[in-house]
Amino acid sequence: MREDLALTGTKKGCDRGECGACTVLVDGRRILSCMTLAALNAGRQITTIEGLEREGGLHPIQSAFIERDGFQCGFCTSGQIMSGVGMIAEANAGWPSAATPDVRQGFSKADLTKAEIRERMSGNLCRCACYPNIVAALHDAAREV
């Protein structure tokens, strides 16, 4: 993606699936691109950070990151945002997490507490420790998406 397609928003971080900087969406689900063979995704819809804008406007999560100062050095930002888009889609689909108090009950986006967000985003690392701002941005954006 970075070299052949010039989509440089997706970062190459750890190259071991541990940091989340390379997170992209494949058919709407978040994956770590460093752990995925590109040929296995032929014919599937791959969305990178560059694909989030619509008609020149920012995605609500991108706007929330600006509003809540959810980035410092910016290295992890694209992966955090892409993971956030996937995380909110998972919540909209009713998927519980390890932080869900009772997985037998239905889950909705309204149940997306800050504790839920922290658990669901735990695979995305931020070297600058901007986690409170990232969680606040995603909490705000979840109401709009």
N, C-alpha and C. Protein backbone atom coordinates (compact mmCIF):
# COMPACT_ATOMS: atom_id res chain seq x y z
N MET A 1 0.83 -1.20 0.00
CA MET A 1 0.00 0.00 0.00
C MET A 1 0.86 1.26 0.00
N ARG A 2 1.88 1.25 0.83
CA ARG A 2 2.70 2.45 0.97
C ARG A 2 3.54 2.70 -0.28
N GLU A 3 4.21 1.67 -0.76
CA GLU A 3 5.13 1.86 -1.88
C GLU A 3 4.43 1.84 -3.23
N ASP A 4 3.63 0.82 -3.48
CA ASP A 4 3.03 0.65 -4.81
C ASP A 4 1.82 1.55 -5.05
N LEU A 5 1.04 1.84 -4.04
CA LEU A 5 -0.17 2.64 -4.21
C LEU A 5 -0.02 4.06 -3.68
N ALA A 6 1.11 4.36 -3.04
CA ALA A 6 1.39 5.67 -2.45
C ALA A 6 0.35 6.08 -1.41
N LEU A 7 -0.20 5.09 -0.69
CA LEU A 7 -1.12 5.35 0.42
C LEU A 7 -0.30 5.31 1.70
N THR A 8 0.33 6.43 2.00
CA THR A 8 1.30 6.47 3.09
C THR A 8 0.70 6.75 4.46
N GLY A 9 -0.61 6.90 4.54
CA GLY A 9 -1.26 7.12 5.83
C GLY A 9 -1.15 5.93 6.75
N THR A 10 -1.16 4.73 6.18
CA THR A 10 -1.00 3.51 6.98
C THR A 10 0.47 3.39 7.34
N LYS A 11 0.76 3.34 8.61
CA LYS A 11 2.15 3.34 9.07
C LYS A 11 2.72 1.93 9.19
N LYS A 12 4.00 1.83 9.03
CA LYS A 12 4.73 0.59 9.30
C LYS A 12 5.37 0.79 10.66
N GLY A 13 4.84 0.07 11.64
CA GLY A 13 5.32 0.25 13.01
C GLY A 13 6.20 -0.89 13.43
N CYS A 14 5.63 -1.83 14.14
CA CYS A 14 6.41 -2.93 14.73
C CYS A 14 6.67 -4.07 13.76
N ASP A 15 5.82 -4.20 12.74
CA ASP A 15 5.92 -5.29 11.77
C ASP A 15 5.68 -6.66 12.40
N ARG A 16 5.03 -6.67 13.58
CA ARG A 16 4.75 -7.93 14.29
C ARG A 16 3.31 -8.01 14.80
N GLY A 17 2.48 -7.07 14.40
CA GLY A 17 1.08 -7.09 14.85
C GLY A 17 0.89 -6.70 16.29
N GLU A 18 1.80 -5.91 16.85
CA GLU A 18 1.71 -5.56 18.27
C GLU A 18 1.33 -4.12 18.55
N CYS A 19 1.43 -3.23 17.53
CA CYS A 19 1.24 -1.81 17.84
C CYS A 19 -0.04 -1.20 17.27
N GLY A 20 -0.58 -1.74 16.19
CA GLY A 20 -1.80 -1.23 15.60
C GLY A 20 -1.64 -0.07 14.65
N ALA A 21 -0.42 0.41 14.43
CA ALA A 21 -0.20 1.55 13.54
C ALA A 21 -0.60 1.25 12.10
N CYS A 22 -0.64 -0.02 11.74
CA CYS A 22 -0.94 -0.42 10.36
C CYS A 22 -2.41 -0.81 10.17
N THR A 23 -3.27 -0.49 11.11
CA THR A 23 -4.68 -0.90 11.04
C THR A 23 -5.38 -0.31 9.82
N VAL A 24 -6.05 -1.19 9.07
CA VAL A 24 -6.90 -0.80 7.95
C VAL A 24 -8.21 -1.59 8.09
N LEU A 25 -9.18 -1.25 7.27
CA LEU A 25 -10.45 -1.99 7.26
C LEU A 25 -10.50 -2.83 6.00
N VAL A 26 -10.85 -4.10 6.16
CA VAL A 26 -11.09 -4.98 5.03
C VAL A 26 -12.55 -5.42 5.12
N ASP A 27 -13.32 -5.04 4.12
CA ASP A 27 -14.76 -5.28 4.12
C ASP A 27 -15.40 -4.78 5.42
N GLY A 28 -14.91 -3.62 5.90
CA GLY A 28 -15.47 -2.98 7.08
C GLY A 28 -14.95 -3.47 8.41
N ARG A 29 -14.10 -4.51 8.42
CA ARG A 29 -13.56 -5.04 9.68
C ARG A 29 -12.10 -4.65 9.81
N ARG A 30 -11.70 -4.29 11.01
CA ARG A 30 -10.32 -3.85 11.22
C ARG A 30 -9.36 -5.03 11.23
N ILE A 31 -8.24 -4.83 10.57
CA ILE A 31 -7.17 -5.84 10.55
C ILE A 31 -5.83 -5.12 10.67
N LEU A 32 -4.83 -5.88 11.05
CA LEU A 32 -3.46 -5.38 11.07
C LEU A 32 -2.84 -5.73 9.72
N SER A 33 -2.57 -4.72 8.93
CA SER A 33 -2.10 -4.98 7.57
C SER A 33 -0.72 -5.64 7.54
N CYS A 34 0.08 -5.45 8.58
CA CYS A 34 1.41 -6.07 8.59
C CYS A 34 1.34 -7.58 8.76
N MET A 35 0.19 -8.07 9.21
CA MET A 35 0.02 -9.51 9.44
C MET A 35 -0.82 -10.17 8.35
N THR A 36 -1.11 -9.44 7.28
CA THR A 36 -2.02 -9.93 6.26
C THR A 36 -1.34 -9.93 4.91
N LEU A 37 -1.36 -11.06 4.24
CA LEU A 37 -0.82 -11.16 2.90
C LEU A 37 -1.78 -10.47 1.94
N ALA A 38 -1.29 -9.50 1.20
CA ALA A 38 -2.14 -8.70 0.32
C ALA A 38 -2.91 -9.56 -0.67
N ALA A 39 -2.30 -10.59 -1.20
CA ALA A 39 -2.96 -11.44 -2.21
C ALA A 39 -4.21 -12.11 -1.65
N LEU A 40 -4.28 -12.32 -0.34
CA LEU A 40 -5.46 -12.94 0.26
C LEU A 40 -6.67 -12.01 0.28
N ASN A 41 -6.44 -10.74 0.02
CA ASN A 41 -7.52 -9.76 0.06
C ASN A 41 -7.94 -9.27 -1.32
N ALA A 42 -7.52 -9.98 -2.36
CA ALA A 42 -7.90 -9.61 -3.72
C ALA A 42 -9.43 -9.62 -3.83
N GLY A 43 -9.97 -8.55 -4.41
CA GLY A 43 -11.40 -8.46 -4.60
C GLY A 43 -12.18 -7.96 -3.39
N ARG A 44 -11.50 -7.71 -2.29
CA ARG A 44 -12.17 -7.23 -1.09
C ARG A 44 -12.00 -5.72 -1.00
N GLN A 45 -12.89 -5.06 -0.29
CA GLN A 45 -12.81 -3.62 -0.13
C GLN A 45 -11.84 -3.29 1.00
N ILE A 46 -10.76 -2.61 0.67
CA ILE A 46 -9.76 -2.21 1.66
C ILE A 46 -9.85 -0.70 1.83
N THR A 47 -10.03 -0.27 3.06
CA THR A 47 -10.13 1.16 3.36
C THR A 47 -8.96 1.56 4.24
N THR A 48 -8.22 2.56 3.79
CA THR A 48 -7.14 3.14 4.58
C THR A 48 -7.61 4.50 5.09
N ILE A 49 -6.77 5.15 5.85
CA ILE A 49 -7.12 6.47 6.40
C ILE A 49 -7.47 7.45 5.27
N GLU A 50 -6.83 7.29 4.13
CA GLU A 50 -7.11 8.18 3.00
C GLU A 50 -8.53 8.01 2.47
N GLY A 51 -9.15 6.87 2.72
CA GLY A 51 -10.49 6.59 2.22
C GLY A 51 -11.62 7.02 3.13
N LEU A 52 -11.32 7.66 4.24
CA LEU A 52 -12.38 8.05 5.17
C LEU A 52 -13.08 9.35 4.79
N GLU A 53 -12.38 10.24 4.12
CA GLU A 53 -13.00 11.53 3.80
C GLU A 53 -14.14 11.34 2.81
N ARG A 54 -15.14 12.19 2.95
CA ARG A 54 -16.30 12.16 2.06
C ARG A 54 -16.56 13.58 1.57
N GLU A 55 -16.50 13.73 0.27
CA GLU A 55 -16.76 15.03 -0.36
C GLU A 55 -15.90 16.13 0.25
N GLY A 56 -14.65 15.81 0.50
CA GLY A 56 -13.72 16.78 1.04
C GLY A 56 -13.82 17.04 2.52
N GLY A 57 -14.72 16.34 3.20
CA GLY A 57 -14.90 16.54 4.64
C GLY A 57 -14.28 15.43 5.46
N LEU A 58 -13.93 15.74 6.67
CA LEU A 58 -13.34 14.75 7.57
C LEU A 58 -14.41 13.78 8.09
N HIS A 59 -13.99 12.58 8.39
CA HIS A 59 -14.83 11.60 9.08
C HIS A 59 -15.06 12.13 10.51
N PRO A 60 -16.21 11.85 11.13
CA PRO A 60 -16.46 12.33 12.49
C PRO A 60 -15.36 11.95 13.49
N ILE A 61 -14.73 10.79 13.32
CA ILE A 61 -13.65 10.41 14.25
C ILE A 61 -12.43 11.29 14.02
N GLN A 62 -12.14 11.62 12.77
CA GLN A 62 -11.01 12.53 12.50
C GLN A 62 -11.28 13.89 13.13
N SER A 63 -12.49 14.38 12.99
CA SER A 63 -12.85 15.67 13.61
C SER A 63 -12.75 15.62 15.13
N ALA A 64 -13.19 14.51 15.71
CA ALA A 64 -13.12 14.37 17.17
C ALA A 64 -11.67 14.31 17.66
N PHE A 65 -10.79 13.68 16.88
CA PHE A 65 -9.37 13.64 17.26
C PHE A 65 -8.79 15.06 17.28
N ILE A 66 -9.19 15.88 16.34
CA ILE A 66 -8.72 17.27 16.32
C ILE A 66 -9.32 18.03 17.51
N GLU A 67 -10.62 17.87 17.71
CA GLU A 67 -11.33 18.57 18.78
C GLU A 67 -10.77 18.20 20.17
N ARG A 68 -10.48 16.93 20.38
CA ARG A 68 -10.03 16.43 21.69
C ARG A 68 -8.52 16.29 21.79
N ASP A 69 -7.79 16.74 20.77
CA ASP A 69 -6.33 16.64 20.74
C ASP A 69 -5.89 15.19 20.98
N GLY A 70 -6.44 14.29 20.17
CA GLY A 70 -6.19 12.86 20.32
C GLY A 70 -4.91 12.38 19.68
N PHE A 71 -3.98 13.27 19.46
CA PHE A 71 -2.69 12.88 18.88
C PHE A 71 -1.62 13.87 19.33
N GLN A 72 -0.40 13.39 19.37
CA GLN A 72 0.72 14.29 19.67
C GLN A 72 1.73 14.18 18.54
N CYS A 73 2.50 13.10 18.52
CA CYS A 73 3.48 12.97 17.43
C CYS A 73 2.80 12.58 16.13
N GLY A 74 1.62 11.96 16.20
CA GLY A 74 0.86 11.61 15.01
C GLY A 74 1.17 10.26 14.41
N PHE A 75 2.21 9.57 14.89
CA PHE A 75 2.59 8.31 14.27
C PHE A 75 1.49 7.27 14.35
N CYS A 76 0.85 7.15 15.48
CA CYS A 76 -0.18 6.11 15.67
C CYS A 76 -1.56 6.56 15.22
N THR A 77 -1.72 7.84 14.88
CA THR A 77 -3.04 8.42 14.68
C THR A 77 -3.86 7.70 13.62
N SER A 78 -3.28 7.41 12.47
CA SER A 78 -4.08 6.76 11.42
C SER A 78 -4.56 5.38 11.88
N GLY A 79 -3.71 4.63 12.54
CA GLY A 79 -4.11 3.32 13.06
C GLY A 79 -5.16 3.44 14.15
N GLN A 80 -5.01 4.43 15.02
CA GLN A 80 -6.01 4.66 16.08
C GLN A 80 -7.37 5.00 15.47
N ILE A 81 -7.37 5.88 14.48
CA ILE A 81 -8.62 6.30 13.85
C ILE A 81 -9.27 5.13 13.12
N MET A 82 -8.48 4.38 12.36
CA MET A 82 -9.04 3.24 11.63
C MET A 82 -9.58 2.19 12.59
N SER A 83 -8.86 1.95 13.67
CA SER A 83 -9.33 0.99 14.67
C SER A 83 -10.60 1.52 15.32
N GLY A 84 -10.67 2.83 15.55
CA GLY A 84 -11.87 3.43 16.12
C GLY A 84 -13.08 3.27 15.22
N VAL A 85 -12.89 3.43 13.91
CA VAL A 85 -13.99 3.24 12.96
C VAL A 85 -14.48 1.79 13.05
N GLY A 86 -13.54 0.84 13.06
CA GLY A 86 -13.91 -0.56 13.18
C GLY A 86 -14.56 -0.89 14.51
N MET A 87 -14.04 -0.30 15.57
CA MET A 87 -14.57 -0.54 16.91
C MET A 87 -16.01 -0.08 17.04
N ILE A 88 -16.31 1.10 16.50
CA ILE A 88 -17.68 1.60 16.56
C ILE A 88 -18.61 0.75 15.70
N ALA A 89 -18.12 0.28 14.57
CA ALA A 89 -18.92 -0.62 13.73
C ALA A 89 -19.23 -1.92 14.48
N GLU A 90 -18.25 -2.43 15.22
CA GLU A 90 -18.46 -3.65 16.02
C GLU A 90 -19.53 -3.41 17.09
N ALA A 91 -19.46 -2.24 17.73
CA ALA A 91 -20.46 -1.91 18.76
C ALA A 91 -21.84 -1.77 18.12
N ASN A 92 -21.91 -1.13 16.95
CA ASN A 92 -23.18 -1.00 16.24
C ASN A 92 -23.76 -2.36 15.86
N ALA A 93 -22.87 -3.34 15.62
CA ALA A 93 -23.32 -4.69 15.26
C ALA A 93 -23.71 -5.51 16.49
N GLY A 94 -23.49 -4.95 17.69
CA GLY A 94 -23.89 -5.63 18.92
C GLY A 94 -22.86 -6.58 19.49
N TRP A 95 -21.61 -6.46 19.06
CA TRP A 95 -20.56 -7.35 19.55
C TRP A 95 -20.09 -6.93 20.93
N PRO A 96 -20.12 -7.81 21.92
CA PRO A 96 -19.60 -7.48 23.26
C PRO A 96 -18.07 -7.56 23.26
N SER A 97 -17.49 -7.09 24.34
CA SER A 97 -16.03 -7.19 24.51
C SER A 97 -15.73 -7.82 25.86
N ALA A 98 -14.47 -7.94 26.18
CA ALA A 98 -14.08 -8.49 27.48
C ALA A 98 -14.50 -7.56 28.62
N ALA A 99 -14.77 -6.30 28.33
CA ALA A 99 -15.21 -5.35 29.37
C ALA A 99 -16.73 -5.29 29.51
N THR A 100 -17.46 -5.98 28.65
CA THR A 100 -18.92 -5.97 28.72
C THR A 100 -19.36 -6.73 29.97
N PRO A 101 -20.14 -6.08 30.85
CA PRO A 101 -20.52 -6.72 32.11
C PRO A 101 -21.27 -8.05 31.94
N ASP A 102 -22.20 -8.12 30.99
CA ASP A 102 -22.97 -9.34 30.78
C ASP A 102 -23.08 -9.59 29.28
N VAL A 103 -22.27 -10.50 28.77
CA VAL A 103 -22.24 -10.75 27.33
C VAL A 103 -23.50 -11.45 26.83
N ARG A 104 -24.33 -11.94 27.76
CA ARG A 104 -25.58 -12.60 27.35
C ARG A 104 -26.65 -11.59 26.95
N GLN A 105 -26.51 -10.38 27.42
CA GLN A 105 -27.47 -9.34 27.07
C GLN A 105 -27.03 -8.67 25.77
N GLY A 106 -27.95 -8.08 25.09
CA GLY A 106 -27.61 -7.37 23.86
C GLY A 106 -26.69 -6.19 24.14
N PHE A 107 -25.88 -5.85 23.16
CA PHE A 107 -24.97 -4.72 23.27
C PHE A 107 -25.35 -3.70 22.21
N SER A 108 -25.33 -2.44 22.59
CA SER A 108 -25.60 -1.38 21.61
C SER A 108 -24.54 -0.30 21.75
N LYS A 109 -24.49 0.57 20.78
CA LYS A 109 -23.53 1.66 20.82
C LYS A 109 -23.70 2.52 22.06
N ALA A 110 -24.90 2.59 22.60
CA ALA A 110 -25.16 3.36 23.82
C ALA A 110 -24.39 2.78 25.01
N ASP A 111 -24.03 1.50 24.94
CA ASP A 111 -23.27 0.84 26.01
C ASP A 111 -21.77 1.07 25.88
N LEU A 112 -21.36 1.85 24.90
CA LEU A 112 -19.94 2.06 24.64
C LEU A 112 -19.37 3.06 25.63
N THR A 113 -19.05 2.57 26.82
CA THR A 113 -18.47 3.41 27.86
C THR A 113 -16.99 3.63 27.59
N LYS A 114 -16.38 4.49 28.37
CA LYS A 114 -14.95 4.71 28.22
C LYS A 114 -14.16 3.45 28.56
N ALA A 115 -14.65 2.65 29.51
CA ALA A 115 -13.99 1.37 29.84
C ALA A 115 -14.08 0.41 28.64
N GLU A 116 -15.24 0.37 27.99
CA GLU A 116 -15.41 -0.46 26.79
C GLU A 116 -14.45 0.00 25.69
N ILE A 117 -14.36 1.30 25.49
CA ILE A 117 -13.48 1.83 24.45
C ILE A 117 -12.04 1.47 24.74
N ARG A 118 -11.61 1.63 25.99
CA ARG A 118 -10.22 1.27 26.35
C ARG A 118 -9.94 -0.19 26.06
N GLU A 119 -10.87 -1.07 26.40
CA GLU A 119 -10.69 -2.50 26.15
C GLU A 119 -10.62 -2.78 24.65
N ARG A 120 -11.54 -2.22 23.91
CA ARG A 120 -11.62 -2.49 22.48
C ARG A 120 -10.45 -1.90 21.71
N MET A 121 -9.82 -0.86 22.23
CA MET A 121 -8.69 -0.22 21.56
C MET A 121 -7.35 -0.68 22.12
N SER A 122 -7.35 -1.69 22.97
CA SER A 122 -6.13 -2.08 23.68
C SER A 122 -5.00 -2.58 22.76
N GLY A 123 -5.29 -2.93 21.53
CA GLY A 123 -4.25 -3.37 20.60
C GLY A 123 -3.56 -2.24 19.86
N ASN A 124 -3.96 -1.01 20.13
CA ASN A 124 -3.36 0.15 19.47
C ASN A 124 -2.53 0.93 20.48
N LEU A 125 -1.24 0.99 20.25
CA LEU A 125 -0.34 1.65 21.17
C LEU A 125 -0.05 3.09 20.74
N CYS A 126 0.16 3.95 21.73
CA CYS A 126 0.51 5.35 21.51
C CYS A 126 1.78 5.63 22.30
N ARG A 127 2.84 5.95 21.61
CA ARG A 127 4.13 6.22 22.27
C ARG A 127 4.06 7.46 23.16
N CYS A 128 3.19 8.39 22.83
CA CYS A 128 3.08 9.64 23.57
C CYS A 128 2.13 9.54 24.77
N ALA A 129 1.48 8.40 24.93
CA ALA A 129 0.54 8.17 26.04
C ALA A 129 -0.62 9.16 26.00
N CYS A 130 -1.17 9.34 24.83
CA CYS A 130 -2.29 10.26 24.63
C CYS A 130 -3.63 9.54 24.82
N TYR A 131 -3.63 8.44 25.54
CA TYR A 131 -4.81 7.59 25.67
C TYR A 131 -6.07 8.29 26.18
N PRO A 132 -5.99 9.13 27.21
CA PRO A 132 -7.23 9.77 27.67
C PRO A 132 -7.90 10.61 26.58
N ASN A 133 -7.10 11.29 25.77
CA ASN A 133 -7.65 12.12 24.69
C ASN A 133 -8.22 11.25 23.57
N ILE A 134 -7.56 10.14 23.27
CA ILE A 134 -8.04 9.22 22.24
C ILE A 134 -9.38 8.64 22.67
N VAL A 135 -9.46 8.19 23.91
CA VAL A 135 -10.72 7.62 24.42
C VAL A 135 -11.82 8.67 24.40
N ALA A 136 -11.51 9.89 24.82
CA ALA A 136 -12.51 10.96 24.81
C ALA A 136 -12.98 11.26 23.38
N ALA A 137 -12.06 11.28 22.43
CA ALA A 137 -12.42 11.55 21.04
C ALA A 137 -13.33 10.45 20.50
N LEU A 138 -13.00 9.20 20.79
CA LEU A 138 -13.82 8.09 20.30
C LEU A 138 -15.18 8.06 21.00
N HIS A 139 -15.21 8.42 22.27
CA HIS A 139 -16.48 8.47 23.01
C HIS A 139 -17.39 9.53 22.38
N ASP A 140 -16.82 10.69 22.06
CA ASP A 140 -17.61 11.75 21.41
C ASP A 140 -18.08 11.31 20.03
N ALA A 141 -17.18 10.76 19.24
CA ALA A 141 -17.50 10.39 17.85
C ALA A 141 -18.52 9.25 17.77
N ALA A 142 -18.54 8.39 18.76
CA ALA A 142 -19.47 7.26 18.73
C ALA A 142 -20.92 7.73 18.68
N ARG A 143 -21.19 8.91 19.20
CA ARG A 143 -22.55 9.44 19.17
C ARG A 143 -22.95 9.92 17.77
N GLU A 144 -21.94 10.22 16.94
CA GLU A 144 -22.21 10.76 15.60
C GLU A 144 -22.20 9.69 14.51
N VAL A 145 -21.47 8.62 14.74
CA VAL A 145 -21.26 7.62 13.68
C VAL A 145 -22.37 6.59 13.71
